[in-house]
């Protein structure tokens, strides 16, 4: 992209709190990463930049999650010699910590491992924005890798269930927290059940599909989900997203451990923080839309 466009996007990022909240390994939150990736792509002049960026993000389409397995199903699989545990996160994140005995590969790497097609591949993502991971799983199956599984909740669920890791993992309650951009991205998935407690009720205007949790308690959330203590919500592979300023790191960890196998993600900042961060996000789109319309590929 042009230097002017890059400078505009970079300055918008620096102005946002999301830039300061880098995930483990020094990477930007997923929603921001996708935007920068879309911006680097070549595109036709007659397509608006904002539409391009939004097209690179989740569209709310239903994703086939039949690849998914619960964290409790992992141990029996690992007992077989033909099972490979694969951590799909970046090498930087993997170096900080990873599930014990996991290999670090990308989906692209796996596609070239044709001699692994008869093995059982157990895939772990970072536990956020998982729709893309399920799509990749289905593509691997179509390519001939018949035994491919995705662990629901990824490495976050692994940590929450206190399974063995190598390295220095972050506190579970902190890792499960969402930035504003990540909250927005998660809300677009049809597999997300989004709840707001009374402290963030006013955010209902931003998320029309959100449900209000009248009382912030684990029992109230279980009731709202509509499942018994020991079962899934009618077998659906969903992710619970809760927005509440009252959730401490300790409480987040306790709730995720109790709600397993359903993944839990939590947004804890005030609405004004969300508004500020999303304003910075919109500034990125605006900078792209106002940028040069004719660019050579690779600039």
Foldseek 3Di string as FASTA:
>chain_A
DDPQLVVLLVVLLVQAVQQVPADQLNHGPPLVVQQVVQLQFDDALVDFLLVSSVVSAFQQDAADQPQEDFPVVVVVLVVDPLEAEEEADDPSNVQQKDAPRHHYDHLVVVLPPVVSLPGAYEYFYLQAPCRVVRVSQVVSCVSRNVRYHYHHRGVLLCVLQVHDMPHHDDQSLVSLEDALSRVVRLLSYPQEAEEEEPQAPVCCVVRVRHHYQDDPDLVSVCVVLPDDQPDHSVPRQHAYEYEELPQDSVNSSVSQNRNPPHHYHYYRDHVVSSVSNVVSVVSSSVSRSPDDSDDDNRD
